[in-house]
Amino acid sequence: MSTIWVVLIALAALIIGVVIGFFIARKTMMNYLKKNPPINEQMLRTMMMQMGQKPSQKKVNQMMRAMNQQMDQSNKK
C-alpha cells in the first residue's frame, strides 16, 4: 500500500512541476519578447525593399505602430 502512495505523490509532484515550469517559462519568454522585439525598423526596411516598396520613415513608423498594437492586444488576452 505504501508503494502506491509513493508513486501517486511522485506523479502529483511531476505534474505540478511541469505546470509551474510551463507558466514560468511562458512569463519569461513574454518578457524577453517585449524587451527584444523580433522585428526592428532596419529589418522592416529591408523587407519592404525586397517587396519592391520604397520605405519612407512614415511607412516604417506606421507599420511598427501597427505591430506593437497587435502585440499589446495579444498580450492582454
C-alpha atoms as a PDB file:
ATOM      1  CA  MET A   1       0.000   0.000   0.000  1.00  0.00           C
ATOM      2  CA  SER A   2       2.829   2.437   0.766  1.00  0.00           C
ATOM      3  CA  THR A   3       4.315   1.901  -2.698  1.00  0.00           C
ATOM      4  CA  ILE A   4       1.117   3.196  -4.297  1.00  0.00           C
ATOM      5  CA  TRP A   5       1.286   6.364  -2.197  1.00  0.00           C
ATOM      6  CA  VAL A   6       4.888   6.980  -3.182  1.00  0.00           C
ATOM      7  CA  VAL A   7       4.015   6.591  -6.864  1.00  0.00           C
ATOM      8  CA  LEU A   8       0.966   8.864  -6.553  1.00  0.00           C
ATOM      9  CA  ILE A   9       2.926  11.558  -4.731  1.00  0.00           C
ATOM     10  CA  ALA A  10       5.720  11.348  -7.313  1.00  0.00           C
ATOM     11  CA  LEU A  11       3.222  11.698 -10.189  1.00  0.00           C
ATOM     12  CA  ALA A  12       1.473  14.612  -8.494  1.00  0.00           C
ATOM     13  CA  ALA A  13       4.809  16.362  -7.893  1.00  0.00           C
ATOM     14  CA  LEU A  14       5.804  15.775 -11.523  1.00  0.00           C
ATOM     15  CA  ILE A  15       2.548  17.188 -12.867  1.00  0.00           C
ATOM     16  CA  ILE A  16       2.693  20.219 -10.568  1.00  0.00           C
ATOM     17  CA  GLY A  17       6.317  20.832 -11.548  1.00  0.00           C
ATOM     18  CA  VAL A  18       5.504  20.682 -15.251  1.00  0.00           C
ATOM     19  CA  VAL A  19       2.598  23.113 -14.869  1.00  0.00           C
ATOM     20  CA  ILE A  20       4.591  25.603 -12.789  1.00  0.00           C
ATOM     21  CA  GLY A  21       7.568  25.312 -15.146  1.00  0.00           C
ATOM     22  CA  PHE A  22       5.346  25.995 -18.151  1.00  0.00           C
ATOM     23  CA  PHE A  23       3.961  29.203 -16.663  1.00  0.00           C
ATOM     24  CA  ILE A  24       7.380  30.425 -15.533  1.00  0.00           C
ATOM     25  CA  ALA A  25       8.860  29.745 -18.990  1.00  0.00           C
ATOM     26  CA  ARG A  26       5.904  31.459 -20.682  1.00  0.00           C
ATOM     27  CA  LYS A  27       6.223  34.566 -18.492  1.00  0.00           C
ATOM     28  CA  THR A  28       9.989  34.720 -19.064  1.00  0.00           C
ATOM     29  CA  MET A  29       9.577  34.392 -22.839  1.00  0.00           C
ATOM     30  CA  MET A  30       6.869  37.071 -22.977  1.00  0.00           C
ATOM     31  CA  ASN A  31       9.117  39.486 -21.052  1.00  0.00           C
ATOM     32  CA  TYR A  32      12.042  38.689 -23.363  1.00  0.00           C
ATOM     33  CA  LEU A  33       9.990  39.308 -26.499  1.00  0.00           C
ATOM     34  CA  LYS A  34       8.621  42.535 -25.059  1.00  0.00           C
ATOM     35  CA  LYS A  35      12.126  43.843 -24.347  1.00  0.00           C
ATOM     36  CA  ASN A  36      13.636  42.462 -27.587  1.00  0.00           C
ATOM     37  CA  PRO A  37      11.032  42.553 -30.347  1.00  0.00           C
ATOM     38  CA  PRO A  38      11.717  40.094 -33.147  1.00  0.00           C
ATOM     39  CA  ILE A  39      11.394  42.762 -35.871  1.00  0.00           C
ATOM     40  CA  ASN A  40      13.051  46.162 -35.699  1.00  0.00           C
ATOM     41  CA  GLU A  41      12.957  49.126 -38.078  1.00  0.00           C
ATOM     42  CA  GLN A  42      16.006  48.029 -40.055  1.00  0.00           C
ATOM     43  CA  MET A  43      14.513  44.578 -40.715  1.00  0.00           C
ATOM     44  CA  LEU A  44      11.236  46.209 -41.717  1.00  0.00           C
ATOM     45  CA  ARG A  45      13.021  48.498 -44.197  1.00  0.00           C
ATOM     46  CA  THR A  46      14.836  45.526 -45.705  1.00  0.00           C
ATOM     47  CA  MET A  47      11.613  43.553 -46.097  1.00  0.00           C
ATOM     48  CA  MET A  48       9.860  46.498 -47.737  1.00  0.00           C
ATOM     49  CA  MET A  49      12.744  46.961 -50.181  1.00  0.00           C
ATOM     50  CA  GLN A  50      12.651  43.259 -51.058  1.00  0.00           C
ATOM     51  CA  MET A  51       8.928  43.557 -51.756  1.00  0.00           C
ATOM     52  CA  GLY A  52       9.642  46.404 -54.176  1.00  0.00           C
ATOM     53  CA  GLN A  53       8.398  49.258 -51.992  1.00  0.00           C
ATOM     54  CA  LYS A  54      10.407  52.349 -51.223  1.00  0.00           C
ATOM     55  CA  PRO A  55      10.340  52.558 -47.418  1.00  0.00           C
ATOM     56  CA  SER A  56       9.673  56.067 -46.167  1.00  0.00           C
ATOM     57  CA  GLN A  57      10.072  56.849 -42.482  1.00  0.00           C
ATOM     58  CA  LYS A  58       6.321  57.469 -42.236  1.00  0.00           C
ATOM     59  CA  LYS A  59       5.509  53.989 -43.599  1.00  0.00           C
ATOM     60  CA  VAL A  60       8.054  52.324 -41.326  1.00  0.00           C
ATOM     61  CA  ASN A  61       6.698  54.121 -38.249  1.00  0.00           C
ATOM     62  CA  GLN A  62       3.132  53.223 -39.217  1.00  0.00           C
ATOM     63  CA  MET A  63       3.963  49.530 -39.613  1.00  0.00           C
ATOM     64  CA  MET A  64       5.935  49.449 -36.345  1.00  0.00           C
ATOM     65  CA  ARG A  65       3.000  51.037 -34.503  1.00  0.00           C
ATOM     66  CA  ALA A  66       0.605  48.500 -36.027  1.00  0.00           C
ATOM     67  CA  MET A  67       2.821  45.584 -34.985  1.00  0.00           C
ATOM     68  CA  ASN A  68       3.225  46.961 -31.446  1.00  0.00           C
ATOM     69  CA  GLN A  69      -0.536  47.402 -31.110  1.00  0.00           C
ATOM     70  CA  GLN A  70      -1.083  43.833 -32.283  1.00  0.00           C
ATOM     71  CA  MET A  71       1.454  42.529 -29.749  1.00  0.00           C
ATOM     72  CA  ASP A  72      -0.206  44.549 -26.961  1.00  0.00           C
ATOM     73  CA  GLN A  73      -3.616  43.142 -27.874  1.00  0.00           C
ATOM     74  CA  SER A  74      -2.302  39.572 -27.913  1.00  0.00           C
ATOM     75  CA  ASN A  75      -0.637  40.114 -24.514  1.00  0.00           C
ATOM     76  CA  LYS A  76      -3.911  41.306 -22.975  1.00  0.00           C
ATOM     77  CA  LYS A  77      -5.668  38.050 -23.912  1.00  0.00           C
END
